[in-house]
Amino acid sequence: MRPIIILLALFLFFSCKNEQEGQDRQTGQEEMPVDKNREYSSKRYTNENWSFSLEHPESLQVLESELPGNSPVINLYSEQAAYNPPFAIHEEPGNSYLAILPKGFGVDAPSGKRKSLAGWNGNLSIDPELNKKESKVYLLESGEPWGFYLRFANPPSNWGEYGSVFVHFKVNDFKAECFSDSGEKKEMKNCDPMGPDEVRYSGNVEASSKQVLMEVLQTLKFKASGETPISDLIQVEKPMPNMDVTSPLKISGKARGFWFFEANAPIVLLDKDNNKLAESYIKAKGEWMTEDFVSFTGNVEFDAPEDERGYLVFKRANPSDKKENDREYRLPVVFPPK
């Protein structure tokens, strides 16, 4: 009889323990999964103009572009997804990307279930402190996040009031349904989500692409506010950002005298994958041994790639090769079709 009593007691103990663990999982905060030990080949991306940096796997492309209304955007996305950037907030459910919007983007928020991060029973923690009242999580009907709209407590000083990051996960088997305020189902074409109707999203978030974006988000860093903004060091007048460029490309602008060495500073033309197309230099016009702005000119000859986009990179002359003197300005350009 004694062995039977002992076995019964052990059975009851583990049953109660498992039940309690199940309750803990249901009532605890949902942790956003990030495998910090997973290794992949990564690149560091630094944006001097908007004072941030991050790391990303080679499988993601980086695109600096503009949205309507001259709103700057930096996208990280997979080229294999076959969607056409730039991406903002309202994109296809099958897309997976990050949109960094230093000045914000004046459109209505996505429909569907959403909560502020302050009121969400989940946990998203990244290095730049979040403004959890203004940040939003977008949810499927299952309660799983399909996107985040992130605002920051202390963004870089040159970001706008609505500067933000939008994270969009890929959703498989996506379905959108509309319901009236009385709970009756309506056709989506007759739906009024800005009025009394409610849109409900369902589907399955793809775990692998979600994991990649979350790992990138964990590496986001803002540069110290004490560092001089790149716009106070160099200002390019020609070409303008996202302008069509052809060879030979004529360049002009102004930069602080200490941007140069012996009146010269290097420039590099890259394709969208950061492969070098050509290199040259800009030359200061007049006295360069000053802290004031000095006009410069330059030109570069190149063979245009098949890719539509690329970057013209202006580098501060650094003969001492000291890391603290490294500064650069990346200007996005467009190669017209051949």
C-alpha atoms as a PDB file:
ATOM      1  CA  MET A   1       0.000   0.000   0.000  1.00  0.00           C
ATOM      2  CA  ARG A   2       2.857   2.445   0.856  1.00  0.00           C
ATOM      3  CA  PRO A   3       4.348   2.431  -2.729  1.00  0.00           C
ATOM      4  CA  ILE A   4       0.898   3.118  -4.195  1.00  0.00           C
ATOM      5  CA  ILE A   5       0.377   6.119  -1.870  1.00  0.00           C
ATOM      6  CA  ILE A   6       3.811   7.513  -2.810  1.00  0.00           C
ATOM      7  CA  LEU A   7       3.124   7.163  -6.556  1.00  0.00           C
ATOM      8  CA  LEU A   8      -0.262   8.854  -6.140  1.00  0.00           C
ATOM      9  CA  ALA A   9       1.300  11.753  -4.262  1.00  0.00           C
ATOM     10  CA  LEU A  10       3.963  12.226  -6.972  1.00  0.00           C
ATOM     11  CA  PHE A  11       1.291  12.170  -9.674  1.00  0.00           C
ATOM     12  CA  LEU A  12      -0.740  14.861  -7.896  1.00  0.00           C
ATOM     13  CA  PHE A  13       2.385  16.985  -7.331  1.00  0.00           C
ATOM     14  CA  PHE A  14       3.452  17.065 -10.993  1.00  0.00           C
ATOM     15  CA  SER A  15      -0.136  17.573 -12.189  1.00  0.00           C
ATOM     16  CA  CYS A  16      -0.499  20.651 -10.009  1.00  0.00           C
ATOM     17  CA  LYS A  17       2.942  21.913 -11.101  1.00  0.00           C
ATOM     18  CA  ASN A  18       2.131  21.593 -14.803  1.00  0.00           C
ATOM     19  CA  GLU A  19      -1.233  23.280 -14.309  1.00  0.00           C
ATOM     20  CA  GLN A  20       0.422  26.181 -12.494  1.00  0.00           C
ATOM     21  CA  GLU A  21       3.065  26.547 -15.261  1.00  0.00           C
ATOM     22  CA  GLY A  22       0.292  26.691 -17.830  1.00  0.00           C
ATOM     23  CA  GLN A  23      -1.448  29.452 -15.876  1.00  0.00           C
ATOM     24  CA  ASP A  24       1.839  31.347 -15.594  1.00  0.00           C
ATOM     25  CA  ARG A  25       2.296  31.232 -19.366  1.00  0.00           C
ATOM     26  CA  GLN A  26      -1.216  32.548 -19.903  1.00  0.00           C
ATOM     27  CA  THR A  27      -1.013  35.416 -17.429  1.00  0.00           C
ATOM     28  CA  GLY A  28       2.637  36.401 -17.983  1.00  0.00           C
ATOM     29  CA  GLN A  29       3.855  38.910 -20.563  1.00  0.00           C
ATOM     30  CA  GLU A  30       4.434  37.710 -24.101  1.00  0.00           C
ATOM     31  CA  GLU A  31       8.155  37.893 -24.849  1.00  0.00           C
ATOM     32  CA  MET A  32       9.178  38.793 -28.400  1.00  0.00           C
ATOM     33  CA  PRO A  33      11.453  35.890 -29.421  1.00  0.00           C
ATOM     34  CA  VAL A  34      15.027  36.895 -30.221  1.00  0.00           C
ATOM     35  CA  ASP A  35      17.714  34.226 -30.471  1.00  0.00           C
ATOM     36  CA  LYS A  36      20.750  36.252 -29.452  1.00  0.00           C
ATOM     37  CA  ASN A  37      23.050  33.243 -29.894  1.00  0.00           C
ATOM     38  CA  ARG A  38      22.113  32.592 -33.522  1.00  0.00           C
ATOM     39  CA  GLU A  39      25.016  33.399 -35.817  1.00  0.00           C
ATOM     40  CA  TYR A  40      24.762  34.839 -39.304  1.00  0.00           C
ATOM     41  CA  SER A  41      27.004  36.876 -41.583  1.00  0.00           C
ATOM     42  CA  SER A  42      26.104  40.508 -40.907  1.00  0.00           C
ATOM     43  CA  LYS A  43      26.926  43.980 -42.158  1.00  0.00           C
ATOM     44  CA  ARG A  44      26.979  47.227 -40.217  1.00  0.00           C
ATOM     45  CA  TYR A  45      24.979  50.072 -41.683  1.00  0.00           C
ATOM     46  CA  THR A  46      25.578  53.623 -40.431  1.00  0.00           C
ATOM     47  CA  ASN A  47      23.498  56.611 -41.485  1.00  0.00           C
ATOM     48  CA  GLU A  48      25.400  59.769 -40.622  1.00  0.00           C
ATOM     49  CA  ASN A  49      22.649  62.046 -41.867  1.00  0.00           C
ATOM     50  CA  TRP A  50      20.022  60.642 -39.489  1.00  0.00           C
ATOM     51  CA  SER A  51      22.417  59.640 -36.673  1.00  0.00           C
ATOM     52  CA  PHE A  52      21.765  55.917 -36.292  1.00  0.00           C
ATOM     53  CA  SER A  53      23.389  52.573 -37.017  1.00  0.00           C
ATOM     54  CA  LEU A  54      22.335  48.930 -37.072  1.00  0.00           C
ATOM     55  CA  GLU A  55      23.510  45.492 -38.154  1.00  0.00           C
ATOM     56  CA  HIS A  56      21.734  43.326 -40.699  1.00  0.00           C
ATOM     57  CA  PRO A  57      22.249  39.956 -42.384  1.00  0.00           C
ATOM     58  CA  GLU A  58      23.502  39.932 -45.966  1.00  0.00           C
ATOM     59  CA  SER A  59      20.120  38.559 -47.006  1.00  0.00           C
ATOM     60  CA  LEU A  60      18.568  42.006 -46.388  1.00  0.00           C
ATOM     61  CA  GLN A  61      18.982  44.957 -48.724  1.00  0.00           C
ATOM     62  CA  VAL A  62      19.237  48.572 -47.523  1.00  0.00           C
ATOM     63  CA  LEU A  63      17.577  51.325 -49.525  1.00  0.00           C
ATOM     64  CA  GLU A  64      17.707  55.058 -48.773  1.00  0.00           C
ATOM     65  CA  SER A  65      14.856  56.768 -50.565  1.00  0.00           C
ATOM     66  CA  GLU A  66      11.960  59.215 -50.301  1.00  0.00           C
ATOM     67  CA  LEU A  67       8.220  58.800 -49.957  1.00  0.00           C
ATOM     68  CA  PRO A  68       5.615  61.268 -51.234  1.00  0.00           C
ATOM     69  CA  GLY A  69       5.848  64.623 -49.479  1.00  0.00           C
ATOM     70  CA  ASN A  70       9.676  64.507 -49.420  1.00  0.00           C
ATOM     71  CA  SER A  71       9.582  62.119 -46.473  1.00  0.00           C
ATOM     72  CA  PRO A  72      12.932  60.303 -46.120  1.00  0.00           C
ATOM     73  CA  VAL A  73      12.806  56.534 -45.578  1.00  0.00           C
ATOM     74  CA  ILE A  74      15.421  53.856 -45.045  1.00  0.00           C
ATOM     75  CA  ASN A  75      14.156  50.338 -45.820  1.00  0.00           C
ATOM     76  CA  LEU A  76      15.615  46.966 -44.925  1.00  0.00           C
ATOM     77  CA  TYR A  77      13.981  44.195 -46.904  1.00  0.00           C
ATOM     78  CA  SER A  78      14.569  40.921 -48.736  1.00  0.00           C
ATOM     79  CA  GLU A  79      15.013  41.294 -52.483  1.00  0.00           C
ATOM     80  CA  GLN A  80      13.638  37.780 -52.928  1.00  0.00           C
ATOM     81  CA  ALA A  81      10.216  38.981 -51.790  1.00  0.00           C
ATOM     82  CA  ALA A  82       9.649  40.600 -55.225  1.00  0.00           C
ATOM     83  CA  TYR A  83       7.953  43.734 -53.858  1.00  0.00           C
ATOM     84  CA  ASN A  84       8.964  47.158 -55.114  1.00  0.00           C
ATOM     85  CA  PRO A  85      10.383  49.586 -52.526  1.00  0.00           C
ATOM     86  CA  PRO A  86      10.264  52.116 -51.025  1.00  0.00           C
ATOM     87  CA  PHE A  87       8.005  50.748 -48.298  1.00  0.00           C
ATOM     88  CA  ALA A  88       6.135  52.822 -45.705  1.00  0.00           C
ATOM     89  CA  ILE A  89       3.221  51.564 -43.603  1.00  0.00           C
ATOM     90  CA  HIS A  90       0.436  50.286 -45.890  1.00  0.00           C
ATOM     91  CA  GLU A  91       2.048  47.360 -47.741  1.00  0.00           C
ATOM     92  CA  GLU A  92       1.160  43.823 -48.836  1.00  0.00           C
ATOM     93  CA  PRO A  93       0.689  41.240 -46.035  1.00  0.00           C
ATOM     94  CA  GLY A  94       3.308  38.973 -47.619  1.00  0.00           C
ATOM     95  CA  ASN A  95       6.000  41.646 -47.323  1.00  0.00           C
ATOM     96  CA  SER A  96       8.585  41.664 -44.538  1.00  0.00           C
ATOM     97  CA  TYR A  97      10.590  44.844 -43.921  1.00  0.00           C
ATOM     98  CA  LEU A  98      11.729  47.675 -41.660  1.00  0.00           C
ATOM     99  CA  ALA A  99      10.906  51.285 -42.531  1.00  0.00           C
ATOM    100  CA  ILE A 100      12.914  53.919 -40.676  1.00  0.00           C
ATOM    101  CA  LEU A 101      11.087  57.235 -41.025  1.00  0.00           C
ATOM    102  CA  PRO A 102      13.181  60.042 -39.461  1.00  0.00           C
ATOM    103  CA  LYS A 103      10.571  62.697 -40.251  1.00  0.00           C
ATOM    104  CA  GLY A 104       7.536  60.424 -39.953  1.00  0.00           C
ATOM    105  CA  PHE A 105       5.026  59.883 -42.746  1.00  0.00           C
ATOM    106  CA  GLY A 106       1.647  61.596 -42.737  1.00  0.00           C
ATOM    107  CA  VAL A 107      -0.778  58.769 -43.455  1.00  0.00           C
ATOM    108  CA  ASP A 108      -3.507  57.069 -41.431  1.00  0.00           C
ATOM    109  CA  ALA A 109      -2.448  54.120 -39.298  1.00  0.00           C
ATOM    110  CA  PRO A 110      -3.254  50.572 -40.477  1.00  0.00           C
ATOM    111  CA  SER A 111      -6.714  49.216 -39.688  1.00  0.00           C
ATOM    112  CA  GLY A 112      -7.351  46.270 -37.424  1.00  0.00           C
ATOM    113  CA  LYS A 113      -6.704  45.518 -33.791  1.00  0.00           C
ATOM    114  CA  ARG A 114      -3.967  47.589 -32.190  1.00  0.00           C
ATOM    115  CA  LYS A 115      -2.752  48.663 -28.771  1.00  0.00           C
ATOM    116  CA  SER A 116      -0.211  51.068 -27.363  1.00  0.00           C
ATOM    117  CA  LEU A 117       2.915  49.334 -26.098  1.00  0.00           C
ATOM    118  CA  ALA A 118       2.041  50.720 -22.660  1.00  0.00           C
ATOM    119  CA  GLY A 119      -1.237  48.781 -22.702  1.00  0.00           C
ATOM    120  CA  TRP A 120       0.026  45.627 -24.419  1.00  0.00           C
ATOM    121  CA  ASN A 121       0.562  42.460 -22.401  1.00  0.00           C
ATOM    122  CA  GLY A 122       3.841  41.837 -24.200  1.00  0.00           C
ATOM    123  CA  ASN A 123       7.454  42.859 -23.941  1.00  0.00           C
ATOM    124  CA  LEU A 124       9.466  44.647 -26.612  1.00  0.00           C
ATOM    125  CA  SER A 125      12.737  45.996 -25.335  1.00  0.00           C
ATOM    126  CA  ILE A 126      15.407  47.632 -27.510  1.00  0.00           C
ATOM    127  CA  ASP A 127      18.366  49.867 -26.743  1.00  0.00           C
ATOM    128  CA  PRO A 128      16.899  53.266 -27.704  1.00  0.00           C
ATOM    129  CA  GLU A 129      14.271  53.917 -25.039  1.00  0.00           C
ATOM    130  CA  LEU A 130      10.771  53.650 -26.492  1.00  0.00           C
ATOM    131  CA  ASN A 131       7.940  56.092 -25.974  1.00  0.00           C
ATOM    132  CA  LYS A 132       5.489  53.338 -25.082  1.00  0.00           C
ATOM    133  CA  LYS A 133       2.440  55.599 -25.009  1.00  0.00           C
ATOM    134  CA  GLU A 134       2.974  56.713 -28.606  1.00  0.00           C
ATOM    135  CA  SER A 135       4.268  53.350 -29.887  1.00  0.00           C
ATOM    136  CA  LYS A 136       1.745  50.827 -31.235  1.00  0.00           C
ATOM    137  CA  VAL A 137       1.541  47.082 -31.762  1.00  0.00           C
ATOM    138  CA  TYR A 138      -0.714  45.751 -34.531  1.00  0.00           C
ATOM    139  CA  LEU A 139      -2.369  42.430 -33.803  1.00  0.00           C
ATOM    140  CA  LEU A 140      -4.020  39.572 -35.629  1.00  0.00           C
ATOM    141  CA  GLU A 141      -7.248  38.230 -34.128  1.00  0.00           C
ATOM    142  CA  SER A 142      -5.146  35.509 -32.488  1.00  0.00           C
ATOM    143  CA  GLY A 143      -3.339  38.230 -30.517  1.00  0.00           C
ATOM    144  CA  GLU A 144      -0.061  37.700 -32.396  1.00  0.00           C
ATOM    145  CA  PRO A 145       1.730  40.908 -33.480  1.00  0.00           C
ATOM    146  CA  TRP A 146       2.082  41.453 -37.225  1.00  0.00           C
ATOM    147  CA  GLY A 147       3.670  44.891 -36.956  1.00  0.00           C
ATOM    148  CA  PHE A 148       5.045  47.620 -34.701  1.00  0.00           C
ATOM    149  CA  TYR A 149       4.997  51.400 -34.986  1.00  0.00           C
ATOM    150  CA  LEU A 150       7.812  52.614 -32.739  1.00  0.00           C
ATOM    151  CA  ARG A 151       8.367  56.119 -31.377  1.00  0.00           C
ATOM    152  CA  PHE A 152      11.321  56.982 -29.171  1.00  0.00           C
ATOM    153  CA  ALA A 153      11.786  58.834 -25.904  1.00  0.00           C
ATOM    154  CA  ASN A 154      15.008  60.512 -27.055  1.00  0.00           C
ATOM    155  CA  PRO A 155      15.384  60.357 -30.840  1.00  0.00           C
ATOM    156  CA  PRO A 156      18.273  62.118 -32.616  1.00  0.00           C
ATOM    157  CA  SER A 157      17.902  65.900 -32.546  1.00  0.00           C
ATOM    158  CA  ASN A 158      17.363  66.214 -36.305  1.00  0.00           C
ATOM    159  CA  TRP A 159      14.480  63.705 -36.385  1.00  0.00           C
ATOM    160  CA  GLY A 160      11.010  65.181 -36.723  1.00  0.00           C
ATOM    161  CA  GLU A 161       8.259  65.175 -34.118  1.00  0.00           C
ATOM    162  CA  TYR A 162       6.776  62.010 -35.642  1.00  0.00           C
ATOM    163  CA  GLY A 163      10.065  60.263 -36.437  1.00  0.00           C
ATOM    164  CA  SER A 164       9.489  56.530 -36.116  1.00  0.00           C
ATOM    165  CA  VAL A 165      10.296  52.972 -37.161  1.00  0.00           C
ATOM    166  CA  PHE A 166       7.680  50.678 -38.682  1.00  0.00           C
ATOM    167  CA  VAL A 167       8.230  46.912 -38.501  1.00  0.00           C
ATOM    168  CA  HIS A 168       6.137  44.760 -40.841  1.00  0.00           C
ATOM    169  CA  PHE A 169       6.173  40.956 -40.506  1.00  0.00           C
ATOM    170  CA  LYS A 170       5.209  38.584 -43.309  1.00  0.00           C
ATOM    171  CA  VAL A 171       1.737  37.093 -42.790  1.00  0.00           C
ATOM    172  CA  ASN A 172       0.793  33.863 -44.566  1.00  0.00           C
ATOM    173  CA  ASP A 173      -2.830  32.838 -45.238  1.00  0.00           C
ATOM    174  CA  PHE A 174      -3.826  36.440 -44.605  1.00  0.00           C
ATOM    175  CA  LYS A 175      -7.501  37.335 -44.420  1.00  0.00           C
ATOM    176  CA  ALA A 176      -9.194  40.677 -43.729  1.00  0.00           C
ATOM    177  CA  GLU A 177     -12.837  40.792 -42.654  1.00  0.00           C
ATOM    178  CA  CYS A 178     -15.141  43.731 -41.921  1.00  0.00           C
ATOM    179  CA  PHE A 179     -17.823  43.866 -39.239  1.00  0.00           C
ATOM    180  CA  SER A 180     -20.391  46.553 -38.514  1.00  0.00           C
ATOM    181  CA  ASP A 181     -20.851  47.998 -35.033  1.00  0.00           C
ATOM    182  CA  SER A 182     -23.713  45.528 -34.576  1.00  0.00           C
ATOM    183  CA  GLY A 183     -21.395  42.591 -35.322  1.00  0.00           C
ATOM    184  CA  GLU A 184     -22.689  41.855 -38.829  1.00  0.00           C
ATOM    185  CA  LYS A 185     -20.140  40.868 -41.456  1.00  0.00           C
ATOM    186  CA  LYS A 186     -19.763  43.265 -44.403  1.00  0.00           C
ATOM    187  CA  GLU A 187     -17.963  43.179 -47.725  1.00  0.00           C
ATOM    188  CA  MET A 188     -14.553  44.852 -47.529  1.00  0.00           C
ATOM    189  CA  LYS A 189     -15.406  47.188 -50.412  1.00  0.00           C
ATOM    190  CA  ASN A 190     -18.241  48.617 -48.301  1.00  0.00           C
ATOM    191  CA  CYS A 191     -16.204  48.789 -45.094  1.00  0.00           C
ATOM    192  CA  ASP A 192     -15.731  52.092 -43.252  1.00  0.00           C
ATOM    193  CA  PRO A 193     -12.937  51.483 -40.709  1.00  0.00           C
ATOM    194  CA  MET A 194     -12.650  55.225 -40.065  1.00  0.00           C
ATOM    195  CA  GLY A 195     -16.328  55.176 -39.041  1.00  0.00           C
ATOM    196  CA  PRO A 196     -18.320  52.574 -37.122  1.00  0.00           C
ATOM    197  CA  ASP A 197     -16.932  49.460 -38.854  1.00  0.00           C
ATOM    198  CA  GLU A 198     -14.191  47.207 -37.541  1.00  0.00           C
ATOM    199  CA  VAL A 199     -11.570  45.370 -39.609  1.00  0.00           C
ATOM    200  CA  ARG A 200     -10.240  42.073 -38.294  1.00  0.00           C
ATOM    201  CA  TYR A 201      -7.057  40.480 -39.598  1.00  0.00           C
ATOM    202  CA  SER A 202      -6.162  36.799 -39.370  1.00  0.00           C
ATOM    203  CA  GLY A 203      -3.345  34.622 -40.654  1.00  0.00           C
ATOM    204  CA  ASN A 204       0.004  33.212 -39.556  1.00  0.00           C
ATOM    205  CA  VAL A 205       3.121  35.302 -39.050  1.00  0.00           C
ATOM    206  CA  GLU A 206       6.141  33.679 -40.686  1.00  0.00           C
ATOM    207  CA  ALA A 207       8.502  32.894 -37.826  1.00  0.00           C
ATOM    208  CA  SER A 208      11.810  32.970 -39.727  1.00  0.00           C
ATOM    209  CA  SER A 209      11.438  36.424 -41.310  1.00  0.00           C
ATOM    210  CA  LYS A 210      10.045  37.791 -38.039  1.00  0.00           C
ATOM    211  CA  GLN A 211      13.120  36.512 -36.221  1.00  0.00           C
ATOM    212  CA  VAL A 212      15.437  38.258 -38.683  1.00  0.00           C
ATOM    213  CA  LEU A 213      13.715  41.636 -38.303  1.00  0.00           C
ATOM    214  CA  MET A 214      13.633  41.378 -34.513  1.00  0.00           C
ATOM    215  CA  GLU A 215      17.372  40.650 -34.451  1.00  0.00           C
ATOM    216  CA  VAL A 216      18.059  43.685 -36.640  1.00  0.00           C
ATOM    217  CA  LEU A 217      15.890  45.848 -34.382  1.00  0.00           C
ATOM    218  CA  GLN A 218      17.926  44.764 -31.361  1.00  0.00           C
ATOM    219  CA  THR A 219      21.061  46.268 -32.945  1.00  0.00           C
ATOM    220  CA  LEU A 220      19.554  49.721 -33.585  1.00  0.00           C
ATOM    221  CA  LYS A 221      21.655  52.454 -31.975  1.00  0.00           C
ATOM    222  CA  PHE A 222      21.314  56.221 -31.979  1.00  0.00           C
ATOM    223  CA  LYS A 223      24.483  58.257 -32.162  1.00  0.00           C
ATOM    224  CA  ALA A 224      25.381  60.473 -29.236  1.00  0.00           C
ATOM    225  CA  SER A 225      23.656  63.832 -29.495  1.00  0.00           C
ATOM    226  CA  GLY A 226      26.981  65.583 -28.893  1.00  0.00           C
ATOM    227  CA  GLU A 227      28.305  64.518 -32.306  1.00  0.00           C
ATOM    228  CA  THR A 228      28.109  67.174 -35.008  1.00  0.00           C
ATOM    229  CA  PRO A 229      25.318  66.395 -37.502  1.00  0.00           C
ATOM    230  CA  ILE A 230      26.668  65.537 -40.950  1.00  0.00           C
ATOM    231  CA  SER A 231      24.596  68.391 -42.438  1.00  0.00           C
ATOM    232  CA  ASP A 232      26.763  70.838 -40.463  1.00  0.00           C
ATOM    233  CA  LEU A 233      29.897  69.361 -42.044  1.00  0.00           C
ATOM    234  CA  ILE A 234      29.018  68.903 -45.711  1.00  0.00           C
ATOM    235  CA  GLN A 235      26.152  70.069 -47.940  1.00  0.00           C
ATOM    236  CA  VAL A 236      25.807  68.707 -51.467  1.00  0.00           C
ATOM    237  CA  GLU A 237      24.129  70.944 -54.032  1.00  0.00           C
ATOM    238  CA  LYS A 238      24.545  68.704 -57.054  1.00  0.00           C
ATOM    239  CA  PRO A 239      23.409  65.990 -57.502  1.00  0.00           C
ATOM    240  CA  MET A 240      20.341  66.130 -55.301  1.00  0.00           C
ATOM    241  CA  PRO A 241      19.202  62.971 -53.450  1.00  0.00           C
ATOM    242  CA  ASN A 242      17.435  60.384 -55.632  1.00  0.00           C
ATOM    243  CA  MET A 243      18.330  62.317 -58.769  1.00  0.00           C
ATOM    244  CA  ASP A 244      19.101  60.556 -62.084  1.00  0.00           C
ATOM    245  CA  VAL A 245      22.867  60.480 -62.667  1.00  0.00           C
ATOM    246  CA  THR A 246      24.857  59.798 -65.825  1.00  0.00           C
ATOM    247  CA  SER A 247      28.563  59.734 -66.636  1.00  0.00           C
ATOM    248  CA  PRO A 248      30.459  61.993 -66.356  1.00  0.00           C
ATOM    249  CA  LEU A 249      28.761  63.154 -63.164  1.00  0.00           C
ATOM    250  CA  LYS A 250      29.492  66.736 -62.127  1.00  0.00           C
ATOM    251  CA  ILE A 251      29.441  67.392 -58.371  1.00  0.00           C
ATOM    252  CA  SER A 252      29.264  70.597 -56.355  1.00  0.00           C
ATOM    253  CA  GLY A 253      28.527  71.779 -52.841  1.00  0.00           C
ATOM    254  CA  LYS A 254      30.263  73.070 -49.741  1.00  0.00           C
ATOM    255  CA  ALA A 255      32.010  71.531 -46.730  1.00  0.00           C
ATOM    256  CA  ARG A 256      33.906  72.655 -43.657  1.00  0.00           C
ATOM    257  CA  GLY A 257      37.574  73.278 -44.361  1.00  0.00           C
ATOM    258  CA  PHE A 258      38.650  70.407 -42.104  1.00  0.00           C
ATOM    259  CA  TRP A 259      36.677  67.975 -44.329  1.00  0.00           C
ATOM    260  CA  PHE A 260      39.611  68.247 -46.768  1.00  0.00           C
ATOM    261  CA  PHE A 261      43.313  67.445 -46.711  1.00  0.00           C
ATOM    262  CA  GLU A 262      45.497  69.337 -49.154  1.00  0.00           C
ATOM    263  CA  ALA A 263      42.204  70.725 -50.546  1.00  0.00           C
ATOM    264  CA  ASN A 264      40.937  67.251 -51.570  1.00  0.00           C
ATOM    265  CA  ALA A 265      38.489  64.689 -50.137  1.00  0.00           C
ATOM    266  CA  PRO A 266      37.557  61.271 -51.554  1.00  0.00           C
ATOM    267  CA  ILE A 267      34.233  60.231 -53.088  1.00  0.00           C
ATOM    268  CA  VAL A 268      33.053  56.731 -54.050  1.00  0.00           C
ATOM    269  CA  LEU A 269      30.151  55.687 -56.269  1.00  0.00           C
ATOM    270  CA  LEU A 270      28.457  52.438 -55.221  1.00  0.00           C
ATOM    271  CA  ASP A 271      25.664  50.267 -56.589  1.00  0.00           C
ATOM    272  CA  LYS A 272      22.753  49.293 -54.348  1.00  0.00           C
ATOM    273  CA  ASP A 273      24.740  46.330 -52.964  1.00  0.00           C
ATOM    274  CA  ASN A 274      27.642  48.624 -52.007  1.00  0.00           C
ATOM    275  CA  ASN A 275      29.893  47.352 -54.803  1.00  0.00           C
ATOM    276  CA  LYS A 276      32.335  50.041 -55.965  1.00  0.00           C
ATOM    277  CA  LEU A 277      31.586  51.480 -59.419  1.00  0.00           C
ATOM    278  CA  ALA A 278      34.093  54.325 -59.409  1.00  0.00           C
ATOM    279  CA  GLU A 279      36.080  56.597 -57.136  1.00  0.00           C
ATOM    280  CA  SER A 280      37.348  60.136 -57.446  1.00  0.00           C
ATOM    281  CA  TYR A 281      37.690  63.228 -55.266  1.00  0.00           C
ATOM    282  CA  ILE A 282      36.204  66.653 -54.667  1.00  0.00           C
ATOM    283  CA  LYS A 283      38.439  69.718 -54.623  1.00  0.00           C
ATOM    284  CA  ALA A 284      38.035  72.780 -52.428  1.00  0.00           C
ATOM    285  CA  LYS A 285      37.820  76.118 -54.228  1.00  0.00           C
ATOM    286  CA  GLY A 286      39.926  78.667 -52.441  1.00  0.00           C
ATOM    287  CA  GLU A 287      41.390  78.568 -48.927  1.00  0.00           C
ATOM    288  CA  TRP A 288      40.586  75.234 -47.237  1.00  0.00           C
ATOM    289  CA  MET A 289      42.525  75.713 -43.973  1.00  0.00           C
ATOM    290  CA  THR A 290      39.517  77.105 -42.126  1.00  0.00           C
ATOM    291  CA  GLU A 291      36.596  75.894 -40.054  1.00  0.00           C
ATOM    292  CA  ASP A 292      34.136  77.746 -42.280  1.00  0.00           C
ATOM    293  CA  PHE A 293      32.273  76.236 -45.220  1.00  0.00           C
ATOM    294  CA  VAL A 294      34.297  76.065 -48.432  1.00  0.00           C
ATOM    295  CA  SER A 295      32.802  75.469 -51.884  1.00  0.00           C
ATOM    296  CA  PHE A 296      33.910  72.352 -53.754  1.00  0.00           C
ATOM    297  CA  THR A 297      33.554  70.770 -57.180  1.00  0.00           C
ATOM    298  CA  GLY A 298      34.343  67.373 -58.624  1.00  0.00           C
ATOM    299  CA  ASN A 299      33.381  64.833 -61.234  1.00  0.00           C
ATOM    300  CA  VAL A 300      33.378  61.090 -61.617  1.00  0.00           C
ATOM    301  CA  GLU A 301      33.159  58.839 -64.663  1.00  0.00           C
ATOM    302  CA  PHE A 302      31.535  55.440 -64.394  1.00  0.00           C
ATOM    303  CA  ASP A 303      29.816  52.584 -66.178  1.00  0.00           C
ATOM    304  CA  ALA A 304      26.210  52.532 -64.985  1.00  0.00           C
ATOM    305  CA  PRO A 305      25.010  49.216 -63.503  1.00  0.00           C
ATOM    306  CA  GLU A 306      21.847  47.396 -64.445  1.00  0.00           C
ATOM    307  CA  ASP A 307      20.499  48.176 -60.992  1.00  0.00           C
ATOM    308  CA  GLU A 308      18.364  51.283 -60.754  1.00  0.00           C
ATOM    309  CA  ARG A 309      19.723  52.674 -57.492  1.00  0.00           C
ATOM    310  CA  GLY A 310      23.051  53.373 -55.856  1.00  0.00           C
ATOM    311  CA  TYR A 311      24.940  55.752 -53.549  1.00  0.00           C
ATOM    312  CA  LEU A 312      27.425  58.573 -53.941  1.00  0.00           C
ATOM    313  CA  VAL A 313      29.549  58.514 -50.791  1.00  0.00           C
ATOM    314  CA  PHE A 314      31.420  61.629 -49.641  1.00  0.00           C
ATOM    315  CA  LYS A 315      34.231  60.771 -47.210  1.00  0.00           C
ATOM    316  CA  ARG A 316      36.106  63.107 -44.937  1.00  0.00           C
ATOM    317  CA  ALA A 317      39.810  63.118 -45.772  1.00  0.00           C
ATOM    318  CA  ASN A 318      41.568  61.193 -43.009  1.00  0.00           C
ATOM    319  CA  PRO A 319      45.326  60.899 -43.672  1.00  0.00           C
ATOM    320  CA  SER A 320      45.985  59.876 -40.057  1.00  0.00           C
ATOM    321  CA  ASP A 321      43.512  56.967 -40.462  1.00  0.00           C
ATOM    322  CA  LYS A 322      42.149  57.645 -36.981  1.00  0.00           C
ATOM    323  CA  LYS A 323      38.714  56.104 -36.481  1.00  0.00           C
ATOM    324  CA  GLU A 324      37.386  59.152 -34.607  1.00  0.00           C
ATOM    325  CA  ASN A 325      38.009  61.257 -37.728  1.00  0.00           C
ATOM    326  CA  ASP A 326      35.984  58.987 -40.016  1.00  0.00           C
ATOM    327  CA  ARG A 327      32.819  60.680 -41.269  1.00  0.00           C
ATOM    328  CA  GLU A 328      30.882  60.096 -44.455  1.00  0.00           C
ATOM    329  CA  TYR A 329      27.714  61.227 -46.168  1.00  0.00           C
ATOM    330  CA  ARG A 330      25.810  58.723 -48.333  1.00  0.00           C
ATOM    331  CA  LEU A 331      23.655  60.354 -50.996  1.00  0.00           C
ATOM    332  CA  PRO A 332      21.168  58.038 -52.773  1.00  0.00           C
ATOM    333  CA  VAL A 333      21.210  58.308 -56.582  1.00  0.00           C
ATOM    334  CA  VAL A 334      19.265  56.737 -59.446  1.00  0.00           C
ATOM    335  CA  PHE A 335      20.784  55.216 -62.591  1.00  0.00           C
ATOM    336  CA  PRO A 336      18.319  55.666 -65.461  1.00  0.00           C
ATOM    337  CA  PRO A 337      17.578  52.580 -67.601  1.00  0.00           C
ATOM    338  CA  LYS A 338      20.080  52.041 -70.392  1.00  0.00           C
END
